[in-house]
Protein backbone atom coordinates (compact mmCIF):
# COMPACT_ATOMS: atom_id res chain seq x y z
CA MET A 1 0.11 0.07 0.08
CA LYS A 2 0.95 3.30 -0.62
CA VAL A 3 -0.24 6.97 0.48
CA GLU A 4 -1.03 9.36 -2.24
CA LEU A 5 -2.04 13.14 -2.21
CA ASN A 6 -4.12 15.09 -4.85
CA PRO A 7 -2.62 18.47 -4.15
CA ILE A 8 -5.49 20.24 -6.10
CA LEU A 9 -7.91 18.90 -3.34
CA CYS A 10 -5.76 19.59 -0.62
CA THR A 11 -6.40 22.58 1.48
CA ALA A 12 -3.87 22.13 4.23
CA HIS A 13 -6.11 21.16 7.39
CA GLY A 14 -2.89 19.09 8.59
CA LEU A 15 -5.16 16.44 9.83
CA CYS A 16 -3.30 13.67 7.97
CA ALA A 17 -0.06 14.69 9.63
CA ASP A 18 -1.46 14.50 12.99
CA LEU A 19 -2.98 10.96 12.14
CA LEU A 20 -0.04 9.72 10.27
CA PRO A 21 3.08 11.41 11.45
CA GLU A 22 5.22 8.49 10.63
CA ARG A 23 4.99 9.05 7.05
CA ILE A 24 3.66 12.77 6.57
CA ALA A 25 5.02 16.05 7.60
CA LEU A 26 3.71 19.57 7.09
CA ASP A 27 5.56 22.32 5.16
CA GLU A 28 5.69 25.85 6.22
CA TRP A 29 2.23 26.53 4.81
CA GLY A 30 0.60 23.40 6.40
CA TYR A 31 0.35 21.24 2.95
CA PRO A 32 1.63 17.66 3.58
CA ILE A 33 4.91 16.23 2.45
CA LEU A 34 4.62 12.54 1.95
CA GLU A 35 7.60 10.05 2.56
CA PRO A 36 7.67 8.05 -0.64
CA GLY A 37 7.51 4.28 -0.94
CA GLU A 38 5.54 1.43 0.31
CA LEU A 39 3.84 1.68 3.68
CA PRO A 40 5.04 -0.82 6.43
CA ASP A 41 2.26 -3.30 7.61
CA ASP A 42 2.25 -1.54 11.15
CA VAL A 43 0.99 1.70 9.70
CA VAL A 44 -1.59 0.63 7.20
CA ALA A 45 -4.45 1.21 9.50
CA HIS A 46 -3.23 4.56 10.67
CA ALA A 47 -2.91 5.31 7.01
CA ARG A 48 -6.49 4.33 6.25
CA ARG A 49 -7.77 6.40 9.07
CA ALA A 50 -5.89 9.25 7.95
CA ALA A 51 -7.35 8.98 4.35
CA ARG A 52 -11.07 8.73 5.76
CA ALA A 53 -10.65 11.68 8.00
CA CYS A 54 -9.22 13.90 5.25
CA PRO A 55 -11.81 16.84 4.95
CA THR A 56 -11.32 17.04 1.26
CA ARG A 57 -10.47 13.38 0.37
CA ALA A 58 -7.14 14.58 -1.19
CA LEU A 59 -5.27 11.88 0.75
CA VAL A 60 -5.99 8.35 -0.73
CA LEU A 61 -4.21 4.87 -0.19
CA SER A 62 -3.35 2.70 -3.31
CA ARG A 63 -2.07 -0.92 -4.03
CA GLY A 64 1.71 -0.09 -4.60
């Protein structure tokens, strides 16, 4: 699984970084910076929760 971001939909709420700090940091304006690559198995559940919680549906999971 991978985390992907649609930058057009993102409005910098920052909730994703709160819910998945292992893979997502925020830039100086509050937009997410994703760590590239496959998700380790131990964070997949957190990534799903972050994607579901995204208010603009900008964060999605995909099979890598």
